[in-house]
Amino acid sequence: MYRLICLLIGYAIGCIQTAFIIGKICKTDLSKKGSGNLGTTNALRVLGFKAGLITFLCDILKGVVSFIVAQLLFPDMGIFAGIYACAGTILGHDFPFYLHFKGGKGIAATIGMVFCIGFTQSLPLLLISFVIGIAAVAASKYISLGSMLFSISIPICSFVFGLPLEVSILTSALAILALWQHRANIGRLLAGNENKFSFTKKVS
């Protein structure tokens, strides 16, 4: 029962759509600009570095807050309460009910989850997954590629470093979701026309 409660708490927090809010403040509907994705990359490309950074940090914070709230509510459940809350946050971020279930891709919220796992359970998981993601972006200039490799590395590191099997299973499901959310990016990567990372503001 606590798993469902944590998922619902996380979903409610995840539905606080930072990119949508920042866009409205800037008099821009990000769901209709750029890629239409309500996440950091689209905010960065359409609204510029400052808006992208605020979106990124706030979405990371959503994952951290949901983890902490769940752990405080269910202190006897170990890491599981926090992980399920973070999973709910990612679902809320990706599929906000009031925006016709069209949100972002959940990577920043996943980063928040990994911060919490790293500082409570496994620092090597945090370090290795971050290095993989950042190195992939630095080498290829594709944020999507780094995001996907980062997501995939989490369940692998979870298993290798001996976290409970349920954590590995849940993070594997989240990695599959991340790949599904990036399916258009995968197609563009294979076709060789994926957008490379740039701080340049592009409105389309």
C-alpha atoms as a PDB file:
ATOM      1  CA  MET A   1       0.000   0.000   0.000  1.00  0.00           C
ATOM      2  CA  TYR A   2       2.821   2.430   0.803  1.00  0.00           C
ATOM      3  CA  ARG A   3       4.160   1.926  -2.721  1.00  0.00           C
ATOM      4  CA  LEU A   4       0.938   3.253  -4.243  1.00  0.00           C
ATOM      5  CA  ILE A   5       0.830   6.173  -1.805  1.00  0.00           C
ATOM      6  CA  CYS A   6       4.435   7.080  -2.655  1.00  0.00           C
ATOM      7  CA  LEU A   7       3.708   6.849  -6.375  1.00  0.00           C
ATOM      8  CA  LEU A   8       0.742   9.191  -5.970  1.00  0.00           C
ATOM      9  CA  ILE A   9       2.737  11.662  -3.862  1.00  0.00           C
ATOM     10  CA  GLY A  10       5.494  11.629  -6.445  1.00  0.00           C
ATOM     11  CA  TYR A  11       3.040  12.022  -9.316  1.00  0.00           C
ATOM     12  CA  ALA A  12       1.517  15.110  -7.686  1.00  0.00           C
ATOM     13  CA  ILE A  13       4.975  16.668  -7.276  1.00  0.00           C
ATOM     14  CA  GLY A  14       5.984  15.669 -10.806  1.00  0.00           C
ATOM     15  CA  CYS A  15       2.922  17.399 -12.232  1.00  0.00           C
ATOM     16  CA  ILE A  16       4.411  20.753 -11.182  1.00  0.00           C
ATOM     17  CA  GLN A  17       5.572  21.406 -14.745  1.00  0.00           C
ATOM     18  CA  THR A  18       8.503  23.786 -14.460  1.00  0.00           C
ATOM     19  CA  ALA A  19       9.022  24.313 -18.186  1.00  0.00           C
ATOM     20  CA  PHE A  20       5.336  25.084 -18.706  1.00  0.00           C
ATOM     21  CA  ILE A  21       5.348  27.580 -15.821  1.00  0.00           C
ATOM     22  CA  ILE A  22       8.578  29.270 -16.937  1.00  0.00           C
ATOM     23  CA  GLY A  23       7.224  29.422 -20.470  1.00  0.00           C
ATOM     24  CA  LYS A  24       4.040  31.110 -19.312  1.00  0.00           C
ATOM     25  CA  ILE A  25       6.074  33.652 -17.313  1.00  0.00           C
ATOM     26  CA  CYS A  26       7.994  34.354 -20.525  1.00  0.00           C
ATOM     27  CA  LYS A  27       4.691  34.509 -22.468  1.00  0.00           C
ATOM     28  CA  THR A  28       5.622  31.383 -24.431  1.00  0.00           C
ATOM     29  CA  ASP A  29       3.811  28.062 -24.622  1.00  0.00           C
ATOM     30  CA  LEU A  30       6.689  25.615 -24.800  1.00  0.00           C
ATOM     31  CA  SER A  31       4.318  22.815 -25.748  1.00  0.00           C
ATOM     32  CA  LYS A  32       3.877  24.641 -29.068  1.00  0.00           C
ATOM     33  CA  LYS A  33       7.440  25.864 -29.571  1.00  0.00           C
ATOM     34  CA  GLY A  34      10.618  24.061 -30.569  1.00  0.00           C
ATOM     35  CA  SER A  35      10.239  20.329 -30.042  1.00  0.00           C
ATOM     36  CA  GLY A  36       7.091  20.828 -27.981  1.00  0.00           C
ATOM     37  CA  ASN A  37       8.701  18.946 -25.110  1.00  0.00           C
ATOM     38  CA  LEU A  38       8.231  20.400 -21.639  1.00  0.00           C
ATOM     39  CA  GLY A  39      11.739  19.825 -20.392  1.00  0.00           C
ATOM     40  CA  THR A  40      15.139  21.425 -19.957  1.00  0.00           C
ATOM     41  CA  THR A  41      16.440  21.032 -23.504  1.00  0.00           C
ATOM     42  CA  ASN A  42      13.459  22.686 -25.157  1.00  0.00           C
ATOM     43  CA  ALA A  43      13.398  25.463 -22.549  1.00  0.00           C
ATOM     44  CA  LEU A  44      17.101  26.053 -23.202  1.00  0.00           C
ATOM     45  CA  ARG A  45      16.732  26.163 -26.967  1.00  0.00           C
ATOM     46  CA  VAL A  46      13.590  28.285 -27.055  1.00  0.00           C
ATOM     47  CA  LEU A  47      13.972  30.578 -24.036  1.00  0.00           C
ATOM     48  CA  GLY A  48      17.726  30.635 -23.496  1.00  0.00           C
ATOM     49  CA  PHE A  49      20.258  29.548 -20.892  1.00  0.00           C
ATOM     50  CA  LYS A  50      18.701  31.144 -17.805  1.00  0.00           C
ATOM     51  CA  ALA A  51      15.260  29.617 -18.378  1.00  0.00           C
ATOM     52  CA  GLY A  52      16.842  26.271 -19.225  1.00  0.00           C
ATOM     53  CA  LEU A  53      18.929  26.279 -16.058  1.00  0.00           C
ATOM     54  CA  ILE A  54      15.969  27.181 -13.839  1.00  0.00           C
ATOM     55  CA  THR A  55      13.917  24.418 -15.441  1.00  0.00           C
ATOM     56  CA  PHE A  56      16.732  21.910 -14.982  1.00  0.00           C
ATOM     57  CA  LEU A  57      17.345  22.723 -11.314  1.00  0.00           C
ATOM     58  CA  CYS A  58      13.650  22.809 -10.399  1.00  0.00           C
ATOM     59  CA  ASP A  59      13.011  19.469 -12.100  1.00  0.00           C
ATOM     60  CA  ILE A  60      15.944  17.918 -10.232  1.00  0.00           C
ATOM     61  CA  LEU A  61      14.499  19.366  -7.032  1.00  0.00           C
ATOM     62  CA  LYS A  62      11.177  17.628  -7.728  1.00  0.00           C
ATOM     63  CA  GLY A  63      12.927  14.267  -7.552  1.00  0.00           C
ATOM     64  CA  VAL A  64      14.797  15.187  -4.382  1.00  0.00           C
ATOM     65  CA  VAL A  65      11.714  16.571  -2.620  1.00  0.00           C
ATOM     66  CA  SER A  66       9.561  13.555  -3.468  1.00  0.00           C
ATOM     67  CA  PHE A  67      12.258  11.201  -2.171  1.00  0.00           C
ATOM     68  CA  ILE A  68      12.609  13.100   1.103  1.00  0.00           C
ATOM     69  CA  VAL A  69       8.852  13.419   1.676  1.00  0.00           C
ATOM     70  CA  ALA A  70       8.301   9.703   1.120  1.00  0.00           C
ATOM     71  CA  GLN A  71      11.202   8.740   3.382  1.00  0.00           C
ATOM     72  CA  LEU A  72       9.818  10.952   6.143  1.00  0.00           C
ATOM     73  CA  LEU A  73       6.338   9.462   5.790  1.00  0.00           C
ATOM     74  CA  PHE A  74       7.561   5.861   5.661  1.00  0.00           C
ATOM     75  CA  PRO A  75      10.864   5.774   7.588  1.00  0.00           C
ATOM     76  CA  ASP A  76      10.666   2.014   8.116  1.00  0.00           C
ATOM     77  CA  MET A  77      10.537   1.184   4.400  1.00  0.00           C
ATOM     78  CA  GLY A  78      14.186   1.939   3.746  1.00  0.00           C
ATOM     79  CA  ILE A  79      15.032   3.264   0.308  1.00  0.00           C
ATOM     80  CA  PHE A  80      11.896   1.838  -1.307  1.00  0.00           C
ATOM     81  CA  ALA A  81       9.545   4.657  -0.300  1.00  0.00           C
ATOM     82  CA  GLY A  82      11.842   7.258  -1.831  1.00  0.00           C
ATOM     83  CA  ILE A  83      12.418   5.277  -5.030  1.00  0.00           C
ATOM     84  CA  TYR A  84       8.701   4.761  -5.623  1.00  0.00           C
ATOM     85  CA  ALA A  85       8.029   8.447  -4.966  1.00  0.00           C
ATOM     86  CA  CYS A  86      10.701   9.380  -7.510  1.00  0.00           C
ATOM     87  CA  ALA A  87       9.157   6.964 -10.011  1.00  0.00           C
ATOM     88  CA  GLY A  88       5.841   8.751  -9.461  1.00  0.00           C
ATOM     89  CA  THR A  89       7.557  12.104  -9.971  1.00  0.00           C
ATOM     90  CA  ILE A  90       8.980  10.969 -13.301  1.00  0.00           C
ATOM     91  CA  LEU A  91       5.529   9.756 -14.373  1.00  0.00           C
ATOM     92  CA  GLY A  92       3.963  13.052 -13.297  1.00  0.00           C
ATOM     93  CA  HIS A  93       6.606  15.016 -15.153  1.00  0.00           C
ATOM     94  CA  ASP A  94       6.238  12.918 -18.304  1.00  0.00           C
ATOM     95  CA  PHE A  95       2.451  12.614 -18.217  1.00  0.00           C
ATOM     96  CA  PRO A  96       0.825  15.587 -16.397  1.00  0.00           C
ATOM     97  CA  PHE A  97      -2.941  15.042 -16.416  1.00  0.00           C
ATOM     98  CA  TYR A  98      -3.800  18.735 -16.891  1.00  0.00           C
ATOM     99  CA  LEU A  99      -1.618  19.030 -20.019  1.00  0.00           C
ATOM    100  CA  HIS A 100      -3.216  16.108 -21.830  1.00  0.00           C
ATOM    101  CA  PHE A 101      -0.501  13.811 -20.441  1.00  0.00           C
ATOM    102  CA  LYS A 102       2.188  15.507 -22.557  1.00  0.00           C
ATOM    103  CA  GLY A 103       5.167  16.653 -20.506  1.00  0.00           C
ATOM    104  CA  GLY A 104       8.896  16.120 -20.537  1.00  0.00           C
ATOM    105  CA  LYS A 105      11.159  13.082 -20.596  1.00  0.00           C
ATOM    106  CA  GLY A 106      11.962  12.832 -16.907  1.00  0.00           C
ATOM    107  CA  ILE A 107      15.748  12.960 -17.024  1.00  0.00           C
ATOM    108  CA  ALA A 108      16.214  15.875 -14.600  1.00  0.00           C
ATOM    109  CA  ALA A 109      13.820  14.247 -12.113  1.00  0.00           C
ATOM    110  CA  THR A 110      15.825  11.035 -12.553  1.00  0.00           C
ATOM    111  CA  ILE A 111      18.979  12.975 -11.701  1.00  0.00           C
ATOM    112  CA  GLY A 112      17.271  14.052  -8.468  1.00  0.00           C
ATOM    113  CA  MET A 113      16.523  10.408  -7.700  1.00  0.00           C
ATOM    114  CA  VAL A 114      20.135   9.397  -8.388  1.00  0.00           C
ATOM    115  CA  PHE A 115      21.419  12.130  -6.081  1.00  0.00           C
ATOM    116  CA  CYS A 116      19.270  10.682  -3.309  1.00  0.00           C
ATOM    117  CA  ILE A 117      20.305   7.092  -4.010  1.00  0.00           C
ATOM    118  CA  GLY A 118      23.927   8.144  -4.160  1.00  0.00           C
ATOM    119  CA  PHE A 119      23.995  10.012  -0.880  1.00  0.00           C
ATOM    120  CA  THR A 120      21.919   7.447   1.023  1.00  0.00           C
ATOM    121  CA  GLN A 121      22.902   4.109  -0.498  1.00  0.00           C
ATOM    122  CA  SER A 122      25.596   4.044  -3.180  1.00  0.00           C
ATOM    123  CA  LEU A 123      27.916   6.929  -4.029  1.00  0.00           C
ATOM    124  CA  PRO A 124      29.607   4.852  -6.793  1.00  0.00           C
ATOM    125  CA  LEU A 125      26.237   4.545  -8.575  1.00  0.00           C
ATOM    126  CA  LEU A 126      25.881   8.324  -8.580  1.00  0.00           C
ATOM    127  CA  LEU A 127      29.429   8.948  -9.770  1.00  0.00           C
ATOM    128  CA  ILE A 128      29.492   6.311 -12.509  1.00  0.00           C
ATOM    129  CA  SER A 129      26.065   7.135 -13.940  1.00  0.00           C
ATOM    130  CA  PHE A 130      26.909  10.849 -13.985  1.00  0.00           C
ATOM    131  CA  VAL A 131      30.285  10.254 -15.626  1.00  0.00           C
ATOM    132  CA  ILE A 132      28.670   8.089 -18.309  1.00  0.00           C
ATOM    133  CA  GLY A 133      25.969  10.650 -19.070  1.00  0.00           C
ATOM    134  CA  ILE A 134      28.252  13.680 -19.057  1.00  0.00           C
ATOM    135  CA  ALA A 135      30.986  11.936 -21.062  1.00  0.00           C
ATOM    136  CA  ALA A 136      28.463  10.885 -23.705  1.00  0.00           C
ATOM    137  CA  VAL A 137      27.187  14.462 -24.088  1.00  0.00           C
ATOM    138  CA  ALA A 138      30.715  15.903 -24.108  1.00  0.00           C
ATOM    139  CA  ALA A 139      31.927  13.429 -26.734  1.00  0.00           C
ATOM    140  CA  SER A 140      28.898  13.476 -29.025  1.00  0.00           C
ATOM    141  CA  LYS A 141      27.194  16.835 -28.254  1.00  0.00           C
ATOM    142  CA  TYR A 142      23.902  14.906 -28.171  1.00  0.00           C
ATOM    143  CA  ILE A 143      21.961  15.509 -24.946  1.00  0.00           C
ATOM    144  CA  SER A 144      19.544  12.740 -25.892  1.00  0.00           C
ATOM    145  CA  LEU A 145      22.332  10.157 -26.160  1.00  0.00           C
ATOM    146  CA  GLY A 146      23.803  11.152 -22.808  1.00  0.00           C
ATOM    147  CA  SER A 147      20.352  11.066 -21.218  1.00  0.00           C
ATOM    148  CA  MET A 148      19.635   7.565 -22.476  1.00  0.00           C
ATOM    149  CA  LEU A 149      23.017   6.151 -21.486  1.00  0.00           C
ATOM    150  CA  PHE A 150      22.664   7.775 -18.074  1.00  0.00           C
ATOM    151  CA  SER A 151      19.244   6.161 -17.607  1.00  0.00           C
ATOM    152  CA  ILE A 152      20.464   2.738 -18.716  1.00  0.00           C
ATOM    153  CA  SER A 153      23.483   2.883 -16.416  1.00  0.00           C
ATOM    154  CA  ILE A 154      21.334   3.315 -13.283  1.00  0.00           C
ATOM    155  CA  PRO A 155      19.811  -0.196 -13.074  1.00  0.00           C
ATOM    156  CA  ILE A 156      23.112  -1.740 -14.156  1.00  0.00           C
ATOM    157  CA  CYS A 157      24.995   0.077 -11.393  1.00  0.00           C
ATOM    158  CA  SER A 158      22.196  -0.716  -8.952  1.00  0.00           C
ATOM    159  CA  PHE A 159      22.647  -4.429  -9.626  1.00  0.00           C
ATOM    160  CA  VAL A 160      26.456  -4.323  -9.671  1.00  0.00           C
ATOM    161  CA  PHE A 161      26.701  -2.432  -6.380  1.00  0.00           C
ATOM    162  CA  GLY A 162      24.287  -4.706  -4.566  1.00  0.00           C
ATOM    163  CA  LEU A 163      21.204  -2.569  -4.095  1.00  0.00           C
ATOM    164  CA  PRO A 164      17.974  -4.503  -3.456  1.00  0.00           C
ATOM    165  CA  LEU A 165      16.674  -6.346  -6.522  1.00  0.00           C
ATOM    166  CA  GLU A 166      13.428  -4.369  -6.405  1.00  0.00           C
ATOM    167  CA  VAL A 167      15.420  -1.172  -6.930  1.00  0.00           C
ATOM    168  CA  SER A 168      17.119  -2.673  -9.986  1.00  0.00           C
ATOM    169  CA  ILE A 169      13.768  -3.778 -11.398  1.00  0.00           C
ATOM    170  CA  LEU A 170      12.104  -0.413 -10.819  1.00  0.00           C
ATOM    171  CA  THR A 171      15.016   1.580 -12.251  1.00  0.00           C
ATOM    172  CA  SER A 172      15.071  -0.810 -15.240  1.00  0.00           C
ATOM    173  CA  ALA A 173      11.415   0.060 -15.864  1.00  0.00           C
ATOM    174  CA  LEU A 174      12.280   3.762 -15.645  1.00  0.00           C
ATOM    175  CA  ALA A 175      15.155   3.253 -18.106  1.00  0.00           C
ATOM    176  CA  ILE A 176      12.774   1.591 -20.550  1.00  0.00           C
ATOM    177  CA  LEU A 177      10.391   4.527 -20.127  1.00  0.00           C
ATOM    178  CA  ALA A 178      13.254   6.948 -20.816  1.00  0.00           C
ATOM    179  CA  LEU A 179      14.108   5.085 -24.034  1.00  0.00           C
ATOM    180  CA  TRP A 180      10.450   5.180 -25.083  1.00  0.00           C
ATOM    181  CA  GLN A 181      10.279   8.907 -24.387  1.00  0.00           C
ATOM    182  CA  HIS A 182      13.385   9.354 -26.538  1.00  0.00           C
ATOM    183  CA  ARG A 183      12.107   7.215 -29.431  1.00  0.00           C
ATOM    184  CA  ALA A 184      11.975  10.206 -31.789  1.00  0.00           C
ATOM    185  CA  ASN A 185      15.532  11.133 -30.779  1.00  0.00           C
ATOM    186  CA  ILE A 186      16.667   7.571 -31.456  1.00  0.00           C
ATOM    187  CA  GLY A 187      15.201   7.813 -34.943  1.00  0.00           C
ATOM    188  CA  ARG A 188      17.014  11.089 -35.576  1.00  0.00           C
ATOM    189  CA  LEU A 189      20.276   9.715 -34.181  1.00  0.00           C
ATOM    190  CA  LEU A 190      20.072   6.744 -36.537  1.00  0.00           C
ATOM    191  CA  ALA A 191      19.251   9.073 -39.434  1.00  0.00           C
ATOM    192  CA  GLY A 192      22.118  11.409 -38.502  1.00  0.00           C
ATOM    193  CA  ASN A 193      19.982  14.524 -38.103  1.00  0.00           C
ATOM    194  CA  GLU A 194      19.620  14.815 -34.327  1.00  0.00           C
ATOM    195  CA  ASN A 195      20.160  18.332 -32.934  1.00  0.00           C
ATOM    196  CA  LYS A 196      23.488  18.819 -31.192  1.00  0.00           C
ATOM    197  CA  PHE A 197      23.829  20.618 -27.884  1.00  0.00           C
ATOM    198  CA  SER A 198      24.229  24.379 -28.053  1.00  0.00           C
ATOM    199  CA  PHE A 199      23.701  27.300 -25.676  1.00  0.00           C
ATOM    200  CA  THR A 200      22.308  29.260 -28.599  1.00  0.00           C
ATOM    201  CA  LYS A 201      18.682  30.306 -28.230  1.00  0.00           C
ATOM    202  CA  LYS A 202      16.603  29.036 -31.137  1.00  0.00           C
ATOM    203  CA  VAL A 203      12.921  29.817 -31.472  1.00  0.00           C
ATOM    204  CA  SER A 204      10.868  27.851 -33.966  1.00  0.00           C
END
